């Protein structure tokens, strides 16, 4: 199963619902939910680290390519008639490079998913407090009936 933002959102849409009539069962589910989303977050952190390394490798390859230092066979397949020497021009080419941009966007996507999971984990951590208050409220109301 490939983890996507849409999949995480869909899972959380289901998991975020609390059955007010079975609060004790909901309290039991808190550690399970925490483990589920924490595992996802850990996996994404590792995938992001791998993507960052790939981005560094691509950046190096593209720098070599734009500066004219790549293997001559590379230019046979994909000619680049310039040899960029100044830093500002090199940065402009790297910023506009499709391969490098794709790698950067993947990292941004992982960041969005990690931030979303972080907010889910905070909600799950608060869930115990919410459930306790709800149970206390029901006990309080039962005392008046």
C-alpha atoms as a PDB file:
ATOM      1  CA  UNK A   1       0.000   0.000   0.000  1.00  0.00           C
ATOM      2  CA  UNK A   2       1.395   3.348  -1.029  1.00  0.00           C
ATOM      3  CA  UNK A   3       0.900   5.997   1.605  1.00  0.00           C
ATOM      4  CA  UNK A   4      -0.640   9.171   0.180  1.00  0.00           C
ATOM      5  CA  UNK A   5      -2.046  12.298   1.756  1.00  0.00           C
ATOM      6  CA  UNK A   6      -5.492  11.349   0.477  1.00  0.00           C
ATOM      7  CA  UNK A   7      -5.249   7.916   2.097  1.00  0.00           C
ATOM      8  CA  UNK A   8      -4.168   9.374   5.440  1.00  0.00           C
ATOM      9  CA  UNK A   9      -7.019  11.900   5.294  1.00  0.00           C
ATOM     10  CA  UNK A  10      -9.508   9.163   4.517  1.00  0.00           C
ATOM     11  CA  UNK A  11      -8.257   6.968   7.374  1.00  0.00           C
ATOM     12  CA  UNK A  12      -8.356   9.869   9.811  1.00  0.00           C
ATOM     13  CA  UNK A  13     -11.873  10.780   8.699  1.00  0.00           C
ATOM     14  CA  UNK A  14     -12.965   7.325   9.904  1.00  0.00           C
ATOM     15  CA  UNK A  15     -10.682   7.095  12.953  1.00  0.00           C
ATOM     16  CA  UNK A  16     -11.466  10.573  14.257  1.00  0.00           C
ATOM     17  CA  UNK A  17     -15.093   9.711  14.964  1.00  0.00           C
ATOM     18  CA  UNK A  18     -15.846   9.087  18.621  1.00  0.00           C
ATOM     19  CA  UNK A  19     -18.807   6.962  19.663  1.00  0.00           C
ATOM     20  CA  UNK A  20     -20.188   8.905  22.584  1.00  0.00           C
ATOM     21  CA  UNK A  21     -22.173   5.888  23.799  1.00  0.00           C
ATOM     22  CA  UNK A  22     -19.077   3.704  24.263  1.00  0.00           C
ATOM     23  CA  UNK A  23     -16.449   5.999  25.710  1.00  0.00           C
ATOM     24  CA  UNK A  24     -14.628   3.185  27.512  1.00  0.00           C
ATOM     25  CA  UNK A  25     -14.053   1.432  24.173  1.00  0.00           C
ATOM     26  CA  UNK A  26     -12.915   4.716  22.676  1.00  0.00           C
ATOM     27  CA  UNK A  27     -10.399   5.110  25.519  1.00  0.00           C
ATOM     28  CA  UNK A  28      -9.003   1.648  24.753  1.00  0.00           C
ATOM     29  CA  UNK A  29      -8.531   2.606  21.076  1.00  0.00           C
ATOM     30  CA  UNK A  30      -6.314   5.620  21.861  1.00  0.00           C
ATOM     31  CA  UNK A  31      -3.001   3.718  22.104  1.00  0.00           C
ATOM     32  CA  UNK A  32      -3.832   1.735  18.960  1.00  0.00           C
ATOM     33  CA  UNK A  33      -4.570   4.892  17.011  1.00  0.00           C
ATOM     34  CA  UNK A  34      -1.417   6.527  18.325  1.00  0.00           C
ATOM     35  CA  UNK A  35       0.689   3.542  17.238  1.00  0.00           C
ATOM     36  CA  UNK A  36      -0.968   3.431  13.806  1.00  0.00           C
ATOM     37  CA  UNK A  37      -0.334   7.091  12.979  1.00  0.00           C
ATOM     38  CA  UNK A  38       3.071   7.205  14.674  1.00  0.00           C
ATOM     39  CA  UNK A  39       4.216   4.272  12.496  1.00  0.00           C
ATOM     40  CA  UNK A  40       3.061   6.164   9.408  1.00  0.00           C
ATOM     41  CA  UNK A  41       4.923   9.254  10.537  1.00  0.00           C
ATOM     42  CA  UNK A  42       8.135   7.320  11.173  1.00  0.00           C
ATOM     43  CA  UNK A  43       7.927   5.726   7.723  1.00  0.00           C
ATOM     44  CA  UNK A  44       7.409   9.116   6.097  1.00  0.00           C
ATOM     45  CA  UNK A  45      10.329  10.646   7.989  1.00  0.00           C
ATOM     46  CA  UNK A  46      12.552   7.876   6.621  1.00  0.00           C
ATOM     47  CA  UNK A  47      11.153   8.296   3.097  1.00  0.00           C
ATOM     48  CA  UNK A  48      11.778  12.032   3.319  1.00  0.00           C
ATOM     49  CA  UNK A  49      15.390  11.425   4.373  1.00  0.00           C
ATOM     50  CA  UNK A  50      15.831   9.108   1.386  1.00  0.00           C
ATOM     51  CA  UNK A  51      14.250  11.714  -0.906  1.00  0.00           C
ATOM     52  CA  UNK A  52      16.596  14.406   0.439  1.00  0.00           C
ATOM     53  CA  UNK A  53      19.601  12.243  -0.367  1.00  0.00           C
ATOM     54  CA  UNK A  54      18.226  11.625  -3.851  1.00  0.00           C
ATOM     55  CA  UNK A  55      17.720  15.375  -4.249  1.00  0.00           C
ATOM     56  CA  UNK A  56      21.354  16.018  -3.272  1.00  0.00           C
ATOM     57  CA  UNK A  57      22.508  13.407  -5.801  1.00  0.00           C
ATOM     58  CA  UNK A  58      20.363  14.915  -8.548  1.00  0.00           C
ATOM     59  CA  UNK A  59      21.576  18.414  -7.677  1.00  0.00           C
ATOM     60  CA  UNK A  60      25.180  17.239  -7.957  1.00  0.00           C
ATOM     61  CA  UNK A  61      24.525  15.522 -11.296  1.00  0.00           C
ATOM     62  CA  UNK A  62      22.721  18.559 -12.676  1.00  0.00           C
ATOM     63  CA  UNK A  63      25.502  20.882 -11.440  1.00  0.00           C
ATOM     64  CA  UNK A  64      28.055  18.722 -13.238  1.00  0.00           C
ATOM     65  CA  UNK A  65      25.859  18.732 -16.347  1.00  0.00           C
ATOM     66  CA  UNK A  66      25.333  22.505 -16.447  1.00  0.00           C
ATOM     67  CA  UNK A  67      28.991  23.250 -15.714  1.00  0.00           C
ATOM     68  CA  UNK A  68      30.136  21.007 -18.572  1.00  0.00           C
ATOM     69  CA  UNK A  69      31.863  18.514 -16.263  1.00  0.00           C
ATOM     70  CA  UNK A  70      29.625  15.492 -16.891  1.00  0.00           C
ATOM     71  CA  UNK A  71      30.793  12.447 -18.785  1.00  0.00           C
ATOM     72  CA  UNK A  72      30.932  13.240 -22.549  1.00  0.00           C
ATOM     73  CA  UNK A  73      28.397  10.451 -23.218  1.00  0.00           C
ATOM     74  CA  UNK A  74      25.807  12.434 -21.257  1.00  0.00           C
ATOM     75  CA  UNK A  75      26.071  15.309 -23.734  1.00  0.00           C
ATOM     76  CA  UNK A  76      25.705  12.978 -26.718  1.00  0.00           C
ATOM     77  CA  UNK A  77      22.299  11.885 -25.412  1.00  0.00           C
ATOM     78  CA  UNK A  78      21.293  15.295 -24.114  1.00  0.00           C
ATOM     79  CA  UNK A  79      23.389  18.154 -25.547  1.00  0.00           C
ATOM     80  CA  UNK A  80      23.896  21.315 -23.528  1.00  0.00           C
ATOM     81  CA  UNK A  81      25.844  23.890 -25.561  1.00  0.00           C
ATOM     82  CA  UNK A  82      26.825  26.095 -22.617  1.00  0.00           C
ATOM     83  CA  UNK A  83      29.278  25.807 -19.772  1.00  0.00           C
ATOM     84  CA  UNK A  84      27.951  27.851 -16.924  1.00  0.00           C
ATOM     85  CA  UNK A  85      30.647  29.334 -14.747  1.00  0.00           C
ATOM     86  CA  UNK A  86      29.082  32.021 -12.567  1.00  0.00           C
ATOM     87  CA  UNK A  87      27.192  31.145  -9.396  1.00  0.00           C
ATOM     88  CA  UNK A  88      24.030  33.182 -10.045  1.00  0.00           C
ATOM     89  CA  UNK A  89      23.461  31.726 -13.497  1.00  0.00           C
ATOM     90  CA  UNK A  90      24.108  28.221 -12.190  1.00  0.00           C
ATOM     91  CA  UNK A  91      21.533  28.762  -9.446  1.00  0.00           C
ATOM     92  CA  UNK A  92      18.964  29.919 -12.018  1.00  0.00           C
ATOM     93  CA  UNK A  93      19.490  26.783 -14.088  1.00  0.00           C
ATOM     94  CA  UNK A  94      19.296  24.554 -11.018  1.00  0.00           C
ATOM     95  CA  UNK A  95      16.121  26.307  -9.818  1.00  0.00           C
ATOM     96  CA  UNK A  96      14.482  25.755 -13.212  1.00  0.00           C
ATOM     97  CA  UNK A  97      15.674  22.164 -13.658  1.00  0.00           C
ATOM     98  CA  UNK A  98      12.760  19.741 -13.994  1.00  0.00           C
ATOM     99  CA  UNK A  99      14.510  16.749 -12.410  1.00  0.00           C
ATOM    100  CA  UNK A 100      15.619  18.756  -9.408  1.00  0.00           C
ATOM    101  CA  UNK A 101      12.212  20.412  -9.042  1.00  0.00           C
ATOM    102  CA  UNK A 102      10.498  17.033  -9.059  1.00  0.00           C
ATOM    103  CA  UNK A 103      12.763  15.818  -6.244  1.00  0.00           C
ATOM    104  CA  UNK A 104      12.095  19.010  -4.268  1.00  0.00           C
ATOM    105  CA  UNK A 105       8.333  18.661  -4.708  1.00  0.00           C
ATOM    106  CA  UNK A 106       8.487  15.107  -3.370  1.00  0.00           C
ATOM    107  CA  UNK A 107      10.153  16.408  -0.213  1.00  0.00           C
ATOM    108  CA  UNK A 108       7.488  19.121   0.103  1.00  0.00           C
ATOM    109  CA  UNK A 109       4.784  16.460  -0.243  1.00  0.00           C
ATOM    110  CA  UNK A 110       6.388  14.410   2.529  1.00  0.00           C
ATOM    111  CA  UNK A 111       6.513  17.551   4.695  1.00  0.00           C
ATOM    112  CA  UNK A 112       2.774  18.118   4.219  1.00  0.00           C
ATOM    113  CA  UNK A 113       2.003  14.510   5.159  1.00  0.00           C
ATOM    114  CA  UNK A 114       4.333  14.635   8.189  1.00  0.00           C
ATOM    115  CA  UNK A 115       2.741  17.894   9.408  1.00  0.00           C
ATOM    116  CA  UNK A 116      -0.727  16.400   8.958  1.00  0.00           C
ATOM    117  CA  UNK A 117       0.270  13.284  10.905  1.00  0.00           C
ATOM    118  CA  UNK A 118       1.768  15.478  13.615  1.00  0.00           C
ATOM    119  CA  UNK A 119      -1.571  17.268  14.014  1.00  0.00           C
ATOM    120  CA  UNK A 120      -3.391  13.909  14.095  1.00  0.00           C
ATOM    121  CA  UNK A 121      -1.046  12.639  16.809  1.00  0.00           C
ATOM    122  CA  UNK A 122      -1.680  15.769  18.870  1.00  0.00           C
ATOM    123  CA  UNK A 123      -5.434  15.220  18.548  1.00  0.00           C
ATOM    124  CA  UNK A 124      -5.048  11.581  19.567  1.00  0.00           C
ATOM    125  CA  UNK A 125      -2.998  12.640  22.600  1.00  0.00           C
ATOM    126  CA  UNK A 126      -5.770  15.060  23.573  1.00  0.00           C
ATOM    127  CA  UNK A 127      -8.415  12.386  23.022  1.00  0.00           C
ATOM    128  CA  UNK A 128      -7.747  10.777  26.414  1.00  0.00           C
ATOM    129  CA  UNK A 129      -8.441  14.107  28.097  1.00  0.00           C
ATOM    130  CA  UNK A 130     -11.615  14.619  26.042  1.00  0.00           C
ATOM    131  CA  UNK A 131     -12.871  11.107  26.826  1.00  0.00           C
ATOM    132  CA  UNK A 132     -12.146  11.516  30.548  1.00  0.00           C
ATOM    133  CA  UNK A 133     -14.030  14.811  30.635  1.00  0.00           C
ATOM    134  CA  UNK A 134     -16.950  13.272  28.759  1.00  0.00           C
ATOM    135  CA  UNK A 135     -17.123  10.305  31.153  1.00  0.00           C
ATOM    136  CA  UNK A 136     -16.930  12.683  34.138  1.00  0.00           C
ATOM    137  CA  UNK A 137     -19.706  14.803  32.606  1.00  0.00           C
ATOM    138  CA  UNK A 138     -21.952  11.768  32.125  1.00  0.00           C
ATOM    139  CA  UNK A 139     -21.322  10.678  35.744  1.00  0.00           C
ATOM    140  CA  UNK A 140     -22.100  14.208  36.891  1.00  0.00           C
ATOM    141  CA  UNK A 141     -25.349  14.257  34.906  1.00  0.00           C
ATOM    142  CA  UNK A 142     -26.307  10.789  36.182  1.00  0.00           C
ATOM    143  CA  UNK A 143     -25.980  12.091  39.723  1.00  0.00           C
ATOM    144  CA  UNK A 144     -28.818  14.549  39.054  1.00  0.00           C
ATOM    145  CA  UNK A 145     -31.207  11.993  37.590  1.00  0.00           C
END
